[in-house]
C-alpha atoms as a PDB file:
ATOM      1  CA  MET A   1      14.437 -26.462  91.919  1.00  0.00           C
ATOM      2  CA  ASN A   2      15.952 -29.610  90.482  1.00  0.00           C
ATOM      3  CA  LYS A   3      19.278 -29.750  88.682  1.00  0.00           C
ATOM      4  CA  THR A   4      17.762 -30.209  85.176  1.00  0.00           C
ATOM      5  CA  VAL A   5      15.666 -27.040  85.321  1.00  0.00           C
ATOM      6  CA  ARG A   6      18.581 -25.091  86.773  1.00  0.00           C
ATOM      7  CA  TYR A   7      20.813 -26.306  83.938  1.00  0.00           C
ATOM      8  CA  LEU A   8      18.323 -25.217  81.245  1.00  0.00           C
ATOM      9  CA  LEU A   9      17.957 -21.748  82.761  1.00  0.00           C
ATOM     10  CA  ILE A  10      21.739 -21.305  82.833  1.00  0.00           C
ATOM     11  CA  CYS A  11      21.978 -22.299  79.131  1.00  0.00           C
ATOM     12  CA  LEU A  12      19.209 -19.878  78.100  1.00  0.00           C
ATOM     13  CA  LEU A  13      20.830 -17.035  80.032  1.00  0.00           C
ATOM     14  CA  GLY A  14      24.167 -17.770  78.429  1.00  0.00           C
ATOM     15  CA  LEU A  15      22.723 -17.788  74.909  1.00  0.00           C
ATOM     16  CA  THR A  16      20.934 -14.490  75.565  1.00  0.00           C
ATOM     17  CA  CYS A  17      24.080 -12.816  76.720  1.00  0.00           C
ATOM     18  CA  PHE A  18      26.001 -14.202  73.729  1.00  0.00           C
ATOM     19  CA  PHE A  19      23.607 -12.854  71.089  1.00  0.00           C
ATOM     20  CA  GLN A  20      23.489  -9.474  72.838  1.00  0.00           C
ATOM     21  CA  SER A  21      27.252  -9.259  72.888  1.00  0.00           C
ATOM     22  CA  PRO A  22      29.146  -7.195  70.212  1.00  0.00           C
ATOM     23  CA  VAL A  23      30.816 -10.340  68.879  1.00  0.00           C
ATOM     24  CA  ALA A  24      27.509 -12.068  68.175  1.00  0.00           C
ATOM     25  CA  LYS A  25      26.045  -8.971  66.541  1.00  0.00           C
ATOM     26  CA  THR A  26      29.090  -8.650  64.302  1.00  0.00           C
ATOM     27  CA  GLN A  27      28.859 -12.290  63.253  1.00  0.00           C
ATOM     28  CA  THR A  28      25.136 -11.951  62.484  1.00  0.00           C
ATOM     29  CA  GLN A  29      25.683  -8.806  60.391  1.00  0.00           C
ATOM     30  CA  ASP A  30      28.561 -10.455  58.551  1.00  0.00           C
ATOM     31  CA  SER A  31      26.318 -13.418  57.762  1.00  0.00           C
ATOM     32  CA  LEU A  32      23.640 -11.119  56.329  1.00  0.00           C
ATOM     33  CA  ARG A  33      26.234  -9.290  54.254  1.00  0.00           C
ATOM     34  CA  LEU A  34      27.526 -12.544  52.860  1.00  0.00           C
ATOM     35  CA  GLN A  35      23.987 -13.593  51.904  1.00  0.00           C
ATOM     36  CA  GLN A  36      23.398 -10.250  50.155  1.00  0.00           C
ATOM     37  CA  ILE A  37      26.698 -10.503  48.278  1.00  0.00           C
ATOM     38  CA  ASP A  38      25.855 -14.066  47.185  1.00  0.00           C
ATOM     39  CA  SER A  39      22.403 -12.920  45.967  1.00  0.00           C
ATOM     40  CA  LEU A  40      23.880 -10.009  43.977  1.00  0.00           C
ATOM     41  CA  THR A  41      26.538 -12.252  42.459  1.00  0.00           C
ATOM     42  CA  GLN A  42      23.908 -14.773  41.363  1.00  0.00           C
ATOM     43  CA  LEU A  43      21.693 -12.003  39.920  1.00  0.00           C
ATOM     44  CA  THR A  44      24.651 -10.612  37.959  1.00  0.00           C
ATOM     45  CA  LYS A  45      25.409 -14.058  36.558  1.00  0.00           C
ATOM     46  CA  ASN A  46      21.771 -14.512  35.497  1.00  0.00           C
ATOM     47  CA  LEU A  47      21.709 -11.131  33.728  1.00  0.00           C
ATOM     48  CA  GLN A  48      24.971 -11.876  31.919  1.00  0.00           C
ATOM     49  CA  THR A  49      23.582 -15.238  30.767  1.00  0.00           C
ATOM     50  CA  GLU A  50      20.357 -13.619  29.427  1.00  0.00           C
ATOM     51  CA  LEU A  51      22.363 -10.900  27.651  1.00  0.00           C
ATOM     52  CA  ALA A  52      24.551 -13.516  25.966  1.00  0.00           C
ATOM     53  CA  GLU A  53      21.454 -15.407  24.794  1.00  0.00           C
ATOM     54  CA  LEU A  54      19.939 -12.230  23.317  1.00  0.00           C
ATOM     55  CA  LYS A  55      23.154 -11.463  21.434  1.00  0.00           C
ATOM     56  CA  SER A  56      23.309 -14.974  20.039  1.00  0.00           C
ATOM     57  CA  GLU A  57      19.730 -14.823  18.644  1.00  0.00           C
ATOM     58  CA  PRO A  58      19.596 -14.046  14.867  1.00  0.00           C
ATOM     59  CA  LYS A  59      18.262 -10.579  14.040  1.00  0.00           C
ATOM     60  CA  LYS A  60      15.026 -10.411  12.108  1.00  0.00           C
ATOM     61  CA  GLU A  61      15.609  -8.773   8.742  1.00  0.00           C
ATOM     62  CA  LYS A  62      13.152  -6.160   7.558  1.00  0.00           C
ATOM     63  CA  LYS A  63      11.260  -6.818   4.354  1.00  0.00           C
ATOM     64  CA  LYS A  64      13.026  -5.089   1.497  1.00  0.00           C
ATOM     65  CA  VAL A  65      10.750  -3.452  -1.050  1.00  0.00           C
ATOM     66  CA  PRO A  66      12.531  -3.065  -4.411  1.00  0.00           C
ATOM     67  CA  ASN A  67      13.002   0.409  -5.850  1.00  0.00           C
ATOM     68  CA  PHE A  68      11.825  -0.820  -9.254  1.00  0.00           C
ATOM     69  CA  LYS A  69       8.379  -2.460  -9.058  1.00  0.00           C
ATOM     70  CA  VAL A  70       6.520  -4.446 -11.709  1.00  0.00           C
ATOM     71  CA  LYS A  71       2.931  -5.641 -11.549  1.00  0.00           C
ATOM     72  CA  PHE A  72       0.977  -7.505 -14.232  1.00  0.00           C
ATOM     73  CA  THR A  73      -2.821  -7.781 -14.200  1.00  0.00           C
ATOM     74  CA  GLY A  74      -4.939  -9.946 -16.502  1.00  0.00           C
ATOM     75  CA  ARG A  75      -8.722  -9.678 -16.356  1.00  0.00           C
ATOM     76  CA  GLY A  76     -11.624 -10.741 -18.529  1.00  0.00           C
ATOM     77  CA  LEU A  77     -15.199 -11.973 -18.917  1.00  0.00           C
ATOM     78  CA  ALA A  78     -17.005 -14.169 -21.438  1.00  0.00           C
ATOM     79  CA  THR A  79     -20.721 -14.895 -21.972  1.00  0.00           C
ATOM     80  CA  ALA A  80     -22.447 -17.257 -24.416  1.00  0.00           C
ATOM     81  CA  GLY A  81     -26.030 -17.868 -25.534  1.00  0.00           C
ATOM     82  CA  ASN A  82     -28.361 -15.171 -26.820  1.00  0.00           C
ATOM     83  CA  ILE A  83     -25.613 -12.594 -26.260  1.00  0.00           C
ATOM     84  CA  GLU A  84     -22.027 -13.558 -26.998  1.00  0.00           C
ATOM     85  CA  ARG A  85     -19.585 -11.277 -25.273  1.00  0.00           C
ATOM     86  CA  ILE A  86     -15.799 -11.494 -24.866  1.00  0.00           C
ATOM     87  CA  LEU A  87     -13.741  -8.959 -22.944  1.00  0.00           C
ATOM     88  CA  LEU A  88     -10.020  -9.339 -22.200  1.00  0.00           C
ATOM     89  CA  GLU A  89      -7.844  -6.763 -20.522  1.00  0.00           C
ATOM     90  CA  ALA A  90      -4.122  -6.723 -19.730  1.00  0.00           C
ATOM     91  CA  ARG A  91      -2.415  -4.080 -17.611  1.00  0.00           C
ATOM     92  CA  MET A  92       1.075  -3.415 -16.306  1.00  0.00           C
ATOM     93  CA  ALA A  93       2.268  -1.109 -13.553  1.00  0.00           C
ATOM     94  CA  LEU A  94       5.898  -0.004 -13.658  1.00  0.00           C
ATOM     95  CA  SER A  95       7.345   2.301 -11.025  1.00  0.00           C
ATOM     96  CA  TYR A  96      10.675   3.483  -9.669  1.00  0.00           C
ATOM     97  CA  SER A  97      11.147   5.357  -6.425  1.00  0.00           C
ATOM     98  CA  LYS A  98      13.433   5.716  -3.398  1.00  0.00           C
ATOM     99  CA  PRO A  99      12.455   6.857   0.122  1.00  0.00           C
ATOM    100  CA  THR A 100      14.204  10.249  -0.164  1.00  0.00           C
ATOM    101  CA  SER A 101      14.483  10.577  -3.941  1.00  0.00           C
ATOM    102  CA  VAL A 102      13.644  13.927  -5.528  1.00  0.00           C
ATOM    103  CA  ILE A 103      11.843  12.238  -8.444  1.00  0.00           C
ATOM    104  CA  ALA A 104       9.556   9.176  -8.570  1.00  0.00           C
ATOM    105  CA  LEU A 105       8.348   7.640 -11.853  1.00  0.00           C
ATOM    106  CA  ASP A 106       5.511   5.302 -12.786  1.00  0.00           C
ATOM    107  CA  MET A 107       3.789   4.073 -15.971  1.00  0.00           C
ATOM    108  CA  ASN A 108       0.611   2.060 -16.499  1.00  0.00           C
ATOM    109  CA  PRO A 109       0.315   0.607 -20.039  1.00  0.00           C
ATOM    110  CA  ARG A 110      -2.889  -1.306 -20.832  1.00  0.00           C
ATOM    111  CA  PHE A 111      -4.605  -3.196 -23.647  1.00  0.00           C
ATOM    112  CA  ALA A 112      -8.287  -4.169 -23.947  1.00  0.00           C
ATOM    113  CA  TYR A 113      -9.914  -6.446 -26.519  1.00  0.00           C
ATOM    114  CA  GLY A 114     -13.633  -7.153 -26.801  1.00  0.00           C
ATOM    115  CA  GLU A 115     -16.153  -8.715 -29.162  1.00  0.00           C
ATOM    116  CA  GLN A 116     -19.945  -8.443 -29.194  1.00  0.00           C
ATOM    117  CA  SER A 117     -21.758 -11.232 -31.103  1.00  0.00           C
ATOM    118  CA  GLY A 118     -18.633 -11.849 -33.159  1.00  0.00           C
ATOM    119  CA  VAL A 119     -18.159  -8.176 -34.054  1.00  0.00           C
ATOM    120  CA  LEU A 120     -15.053  -6.337 -32.857  1.00  0.00           C
ATOM    121  CA  ALA A 121     -16.016  -3.801 -30.219  1.00  0.00           C
ATOM    122  CA  GLU A 122     -12.825  -2.954 -28.336  1.00  0.00           C
ATOM    123  CA  ARG A 123      -9.194  -2.942 -29.350  1.00  0.00           C
ATOM    124  CA  ASP A 124      -7.860  -0.169 -27.188  1.00  0.00           C
ATOM    125  CA  TYR A 125      -4.282   0.724 -26.293  1.00  0.00           C
ATOM    126  CA  GLY A 126      -3.252   3.266 -23.727  1.00  0.00           C
ATOM    127  CA  THR A 127      -0.497   4.280 -21.337  1.00  0.00           C
ATOM    128  CA  ASP A 128       0.212   7.053 -18.895  1.00  0.00           C
ATOM    129  CA  PHE A 129       3.330   8.279 -17.157  1.00  0.00           C
ATOM    130  CA  ASN A 130       3.576  10.188 -13.896  1.00  0.00           C
ATOM    131  CA  ILE A 131       6.508  12.040 -12.376  1.00  0.00           C
ATOM    132  CA  GLY A 132       6.397  12.998  -8.693  1.00  0.00           C
ATOM    133  CA  ILE A 133       8.589  15.906  -7.591  1.00  0.00           C
ATOM    134  CA  PHE A 134       9.663  15.405  -3.943  1.00  0.00           C
ATOM    135  CA  ASP A 135       7.179  12.538  -3.931  1.00  0.00           C
ATOM    136  CA  TYR A 136       8.015  11.511  -0.344  1.00  0.00           C
ATOM    137  CA  LYS A 137       6.571  14.766   1.021  1.00  0.00           C
ATOM    138  CA  ARG A 138       2.925  15.147   1.987  1.00  0.00           C
ATOM    139  CA  VAL A 139       2.499  17.971  -0.549  1.00  0.00           C
ATOM    140  CA  HIS A 140       4.484  17.526  -3.763  1.00  0.00           C
ATOM    141  CA  GLY A 141       4.496  18.400  -7.441  1.00  0.00           C
ATOM    142  CA  ILE A 142       3.339  16.164 -10.300  1.00  0.00           C
ATOM    143  CA  ILE A 143       3.969  16.043 -14.061  1.00  0.00           C
ATOM    144  CA  PHE A 144       1.949  13.591 -16.118  1.00  0.00           C
ATOM    145  CA  GLY A 145       0.977  12.543 -19.617  1.00  0.00           C
ATOM    146  CA  PHE A 146      -1.405  10.108 -21.285  1.00  0.00           C
ATOM    147  CA  ALA A 147      -1.773   8.603 -24.779  1.00  0.00           C
ATOM    148  CA  GLU A 148      -4.362   6.183 -26.188  1.00  0.00           C
ATOM    149  CA  THR A 149      -6.167   4.814 -29.218  1.00  0.00           C
ATOM    150  CA  SER A 150      -9.702   3.433 -28.903  1.00  0.00           C
ATOM    151  CA  ASN A 151     -11.803   1.457 -31.343  1.00  0.00           C
ATOM    152  CA  LEU A 152     -14.686   1.570 -28.868  1.00  0.00           C
ATOM    153  CA  ARG A 153     -14.925   5.367 -29.040  1.00  0.00           C
ATOM    154  CA  GLN A 154     -13.540   5.685 -32.586  1.00  0.00           C
ATOM    155  CA  ILE A 155     -10.454   7.611 -31.475  1.00  0.00           C
ATOM    156  CA  SER A 156      -7.395   7.441 -33.732  1.00  0.00           C
ATOM    157  CA  PHE A 157      -5.180   9.164 -31.171  1.00  0.00           C
ATOM    158  CA  ARG A 158      -5.598  11.051 -27.916  1.00  0.00           C
ATOM    159  CA  GLY A 159      -2.809  12.767 -26.024  1.00  0.00           C
ATOM    160  CA  LEU A 160      -2.834  14.687 -22.755  1.00  0.00           C
ATOM    161  CA  GLY A 161      -0.128  16.397 -20.727  1.00  0.00           C
ATOM    162  CA  GLY A 162       0.020  18.705 -17.738  1.00  0.00           C
ATOM    163  CA  ALA A 163       1.354  19.552 -14.283  1.00  0.00           C
ATOM    164  CA  GLY A 164      -0.028  20.287 -10.841  1.00  0.00           C
ATOM    165  CA  VAL A 165       0.117  19.610  -7.099  1.00  0.00           C
ATOM    166  CA  ALA A 166      -0.768  16.508  -5.066  1.00  0.00           C
ATOM    167  CA  TRP A 167      -1.610  16.230  -1.358  1.00  0.00           C
ATOM    168  CA  ARG A 168      -1.492  13.032   0.710  1.00  0.00           C
ATOM    169  CA  ILE A 169      -4.494  13.346   2.998  1.00  0.00           C
ATOM    170  CA  VAL A 170      -3.888  10.016   4.772  1.00  0.00           C
ATOM    171  CA  LYS A 171      -0.609   8.070   4.846  1.00  0.00           C
ATOM    172  CA  MET A 172      -0.702   5.033   7.152  1.00  0.00           C
ATOM    173  CA  PRO A 173       0.639   1.448   6.826  1.00  0.00           C
ATOM    174  CA  ASN A 174      -2.774   0.058   5.788  1.00  0.00           C
ATOM    175  CA  TYR A 175      -4.592   3.170   4.563  1.00  0.00           C
ATOM    176  CA  SER A 176      -3.690   5.888   2.068  1.00  0.00           C
ATOM    177  CA  LEU A 177      -5.685   8.640   0.401  1.00  0.00           C
ATOM    178  CA  SER A 178      -4.452  11.435  -1.842  1.00  0.00           C
ATOM    179  CA  ILE A 179      -5.927  14.176  -3.987  1.00  0.00           C
ATOM    180  CA  SER A 180      -4.303  16.091  -6.825  1.00  0.00           C
ATOM    181  CA  ASN A 181      -5.218  18.950  -9.111  1.00  0.00           C
ATOM    182  CA  ALA A 182      -3.568  19.888 -12.386  1.00  0.00           C
ATOM    183  CA  ILE A 183      -3.985  21.859 -15.582  1.00  0.00           C
ATOM    184  CA  MET A 184      -3.540  19.812 -18.763  1.00  0.00           C
ATOM    185  CA  TYR A 185      -3.827  20.154 -22.519  1.00  0.00           C
ATOM    186  CA  GLU A 186      -5.702  17.567 -24.627  1.00  0.00           C
ATOM    187  CA  THR A 187      -5.697  16.778 -28.309  1.00  0.00           C
ATOM    188  CA  THR A 188      -8.100  14.126 -29.668  1.00  0.00           C
ATOM    189  CA  ASP A 189      -8.262  12.915 -33.269  1.00  0.00           C
ATOM    190  CA  PHE A 190     -11.495  11.014 -34.084  1.00  0.00           C
ATOM    191  CA  GLN A 191     -11.687   8.355 -36.809  1.00  0.00           C
ATOM    192  CA  SER A 192     -14.931   9.830 -38.123  1.00  0.00           C
ATOM    193  CA  ASP A 193     -14.649  12.751 -40.544  1.00  0.00           C
ATOM    194  CA  THR A 194     -17.995  14.077 -39.336  1.00  0.00           C
ATOM    195  CA  LYS A 195     -16.755  14.639 -35.773  1.00  0.00           C
ATOM    196  CA  GLU A 196     -14.594  17.686 -35.115  1.00  0.00           C
ATOM    197  CA  ASP A 197     -11.304  16.942 -33.402  1.00  0.00           C
ATOM    198  CA  ILE A 198     -10.704  18.278 -29.884  1.00  0.00           C
ATOM    199  CA  ASN A 199      -7.914  20.646 -28.813  1.00  0.00           C
ATOM    200  CA  ILE A 200      -8.719  22.060 -25.388  1.00  0.00           C
ATOM    201  CA  THR A 201      -7.346  22.784 -21.926  1.00  0.00           C
ATOM    202  CA  ARG A 202      -8.782  20.924 -18.940  1.00  0.00           C
ATOM    203  CA  ASN A 203      -8.656  21.031 -15.182  1.00  0.00           C
ATOM    204  CA  SER A 204      -7.967  17.532 -13.812  1.00  0.00           C
ATOM    205  CA  THR A 205      -8.788  16.457 -10.258  1.00  0.00           C
ATOM    206  CA  ARG A 206      -7.812  12.957  -9.100  1.00  0.00           C
ATOM    207  CA  LEU A 207      -8.842  11.140  -5.910  1.00  0.00           C
ATOM    208  CA  LYS A 208      -6.778   8.004  -5.243  1.00  0.00           C
ATOM    209  CA  GLY A 209      -6.998   5.615  -2.299  1.00  0.00           C
ATOM    210  CA  GLU A 210      -5.873   2.202  -1.048  1.00  0.00           C
ATOM    211  CA  TYR A 211      -7.245   0.359   2.001  1.00  0.00           C
ATOM    212  CA  ARG A 212      -6.104  -2.979   3.471  1.00  0.00           C
ATOM    213  CA  PHE A 213      -8.429  -4.979   5.714  1.00  0.00           C
ATOM    214  CA  PHE A 214      -8.336  -8.219   7.755  1.00  0.00           C
ATOM    215  CA  ASN A 215      -4.558  -8.359   8.102  1.00  0.00           C
ATOM    216  CA  GLN A 216      -4.152  -7.513   4.390  1.00  0.00           C
ATOM    217  CA  LYS A 217      -6.418 -10.351   3.260  1.00  0.00           C
ATOM    218  CA  LEU A 218      -8.605  -7.871   1.345  1.00  0.00           C
ATOM    219  CA  ILE A 219      -7.245  -4.840  -0.530  1.00  0.00           C
ATOM    220  CA  CYS A 220      -9.512  -2.138  -1.943  1.00  0.00           C
ATOM    221  CA  ARG A 221      -8.243   0.510  -4.389  1.00  0.00           C
ATOM    222  CA  HIS A 222      -9.966   3.336  -6.225  1.00  0.00           C
ATOM    223  CA  VAL A 223      -8.987   6.054  -8.692  1.00  0.00           C
ATOM    224  CA  VAL A 224     -11.442   8.765  -9.762  1.00  0.00           C
ATOM    225  CA  LEU A 225     -10.621  11.410 -12.404  1.00  0.00           C
ATOM    226  CA  PHE A 226     -12.861  14.452 -12.961  1.00  0.00           C
ATOM    227  CA  GLN A 227     -11.757  16.532 -15.974  1.00  0.00           C
ATOM    228  CA  PRO A 228     -13.938  19.446 -17.107  1.00  0.00           C
ATOM    229  CA  ALA A 229     -12.730  21.668 -19.918  1.00  0.00           C
ATOM    230  CA  ILE A 230     -11.814  25.269 -19.165  1.00  0.00           C
ATOM    231  CA  ASN A 231     -14.105  27.842 -20.880  1.00  0.00           C
ATOM    232  CA  THR A 232     -15.773  25.073 -22.938  1.00  0.00           C
ATOM    233  CA  ASP A 233     -18.755  22.807 -22.386  1.00  0.00           C
ATOM    234  CA  ASN A 234     -16.868  19.518 -22.401  1.00  0.00           C
ATOM    235  CA  LEU A 235     -16.530  16.985 -19.590  1.00  0.00           C
ATOM    236  CA  ARG A 236     -14.631  13.727 -19.120  1.00  0.00           C
ATOM    237  CA  TRP A 237     -14.500  11.549 -16.044  1.00  0.00           C
ATOM    238  CA  ASN A 238     -13.344   8.038 -15.182  1.00  0.00           C
ATOM    239  CA  GLY A 239     -13.641   5.890 -12.074  1.00  0.00           C
ATOM    240  CA  THR A 240     -12.083   2.512 -11.256  1.00  0.00           C
ATOM    241  CA  LEU A 241     -12.734   0.368  -8.183  1.00  0.00           C
ATOM    242  CA  THR A 242     -10.719  -2.837  -7.638  1.00  0.00           C
ATOM    243  CA  LEU A 243     -10.779  -5.546  -4.965  1.00  0.00           C
ATOM    244  CA  ASP A 244      -7.741  -7.807  -4.472  1.00  0.00           C
ATOM    245  CA  LEU A 245      -7.746 -11.129  -2.587  1.00  0.00           C
ATOM    246  CA  PRO A 246      -4.053 -12.050  -2.062  1.00  0.00           C
ATOM    247  CA  LEU A 247      -3.446 -15.814  -2.202  1.00  0.00           C
ATOM    248  CA  THR A 248       0.350 -15.659  -1.912  1.00  0.00           C
ATOM    249  CA  ALA A 249       2.937 -12.925  -1.406  1.00  0.00           C
ATOM    250  CA  HIS A 250       3.002 -12.138  -5.139  1.00  0.00           C
ATOM    251  CA  PHE A 251      -0.248 -13.556  -6.566  1.00  0.00           C
ATOM    252  CA  SER A 252      -3.836 -12.391  -6.005  1.00  0.00           C
ATOM    253  CA  VAL A 253      -7.310 -12.673  -7.502  1.00  0.00           C
ATOM    254  CA  GLN A 254      -8.753  -9.334  -8.581  1.00  0.00           C
ATOM    255  CA  THR A 255     -12.111  -7.973  -9.656  1.00  0.00           C
ATOM    256  CA  ALA A 256     -12.640  -4.472 -11.029  1.00  0.00           C
ATOM    257  CA  LEU A 257     -15.462  -2.111 -11.929  1.00  0.00           C
ATOM    258  CA  ASP A 258     -14.739   0.680 -14.444  1.00  0.00           C
ATOM    259  CA  ASN A 259     -16.982   3.542 -15.459  1.00  0.00           C
ATOM    260  CA  SER A 260     -16.169   6.354 -17.889  1.00  0.00           C
ATOM    261  CA  TYR A 261     -18.050   9.291 -19.357  1.00  0.00           C
ATOM    262  CA  GLU A 262     -17.309  11.685 -22.230  1.00  0.00           C
ATOM    263  CA  SER A 263     -19.620  14.468 -23.320  1.00  0.00           C
ATOM    264  CA  ALA A 264     -18.129  14.566 -26.850  1.00  0.00           C
ATOM    265  CA  VAL A 265     -18.402  11.260 -28.783  1.00  0.00           C
ATOM    266  CA  VAL A 266     -18.819  10.264 -32.419  1.00  0.00           C
ATOM    267  CA  GLU A 267     -22.262   9.496 -33.800  1.00  0.00           C
ATOM    268  CA  GLY A 268     -23.504   6.039 -32.838  1.00  0.00           C
ATOM    269  CA  ARG A 269     -21.461   5.873 -29.621  1.00  0.00           C
ATOM    270  CA  LYS A 270     -22.862   6.328 -26.115  1.00  0.00           C
ATOM    271  CA  ASN A 271     -21.430   8.828 -23.662  1.00  0.00           C
ATOM    272  CA  ASN A 272     -21.143   6.369 -20.773  1.00  0.00           C
ATOM    273  CA  ASP A 273     -19.385   2.984 -20.569  1.00  0.00           C
ATOM    274  CA  THR A 274     -19.335   0.549 -17.625  1.00  0.00           C
ATOM    275  CA  ARG A 275     -17.541  -2.784 -17.466  1.00  0.00           C
ATOM    276  CA  TRP A 276     -16.878  -5.396 -14.823  1.00  0.00           C
ATOM    277  CA  THR A 277     -13.980  -7.863 -15.036  1.00  0.00           C
ATOM    278  CA  ILE A 278     -12.358 -10.522 -12.892  1.00  0.00           C
ATOM    279  CA  GLY A 279      -8.825 -11.908 -13.157  1.00  0.00           C
ATOM    280  CA  PHE A 280      -5.463 -12.144 -11.398  1.00  0.00           C
ATOM    281  CA  THR A 281      -2.441 -10.031 -10.473  1.00  0.00           C
ATOM    282  CA  LEU A 282       1.274 -10.900 -10.376  1.00  0.00           C
ATOM    283  CA  ALA A 283       3.802  -8.585  -8.730  1.00  0.00           C
ATOM    284  CA  ASN A 284       7.485  -8.688  -7.773  1.00  0.00           C
ATOM    285  CA  TRP A 285       6.779  -7.225  -4.332  1.00  0.00           C
ATOM    286  CA  SER A 286       4.236  -7.433  -1.539  1.00  0.00           C
ATOM    287  CA  LYS A 287       3.345  -5.083   1.304  1.00  0.00           C
END
């Protein structure tokens, strides 16, 4: 065996004995511990840096919906030719409520003006008011009233008032549906002397819903009132369906279909009325 091979074997044997010795093992373990400590220190630094960045980011503020809300709606239609028809309608919605308030209030005044072939057909005023008792609860009490005058139906004055219970069937961010039932008293004074005035008690059932589709790009609302008289053959009902196309946070295009029926009308007036309008809506809040 030559000297070179013998020298290599001696070196390998020496290295083997060194790494198997307690000193070598201790040094190796210490090296591993140092690497682990360095890794943990670096990880801690990274986490502290990320936490500081998160704290420095501005917090996103939630949209604040005002307690007092105002909405104005203007709608109308006009035709010319063999039949000349003008219909203009203005509505307002005023409401005040807080998330945990005992009482919530809202009013909906409206005005409609219409002509048929140059002859006045509609010049109607009306408003309602609604009071919700513990309105934030799924089942809550309601007190309401309504007053109107109508040239279309030859009504000098009509007033209604009553109380009942409402139930929110569905309450979700984009969908809501509620039903209410109440007992109310009505007094109606007709312009015609040949038509007997009305003083009766009614049962009033209301179905109200709102549905938002396509990331709130289309909003559908409906209100249906079914009001039969108690112990008398007299029926009133009204239904309104509206579609809103929001263009900005506070401005939208709106179209509406209204249908109403009354079993007691003056001579020369029909029991049923249907009208379709298109217009716009302005509001001081958006959802």
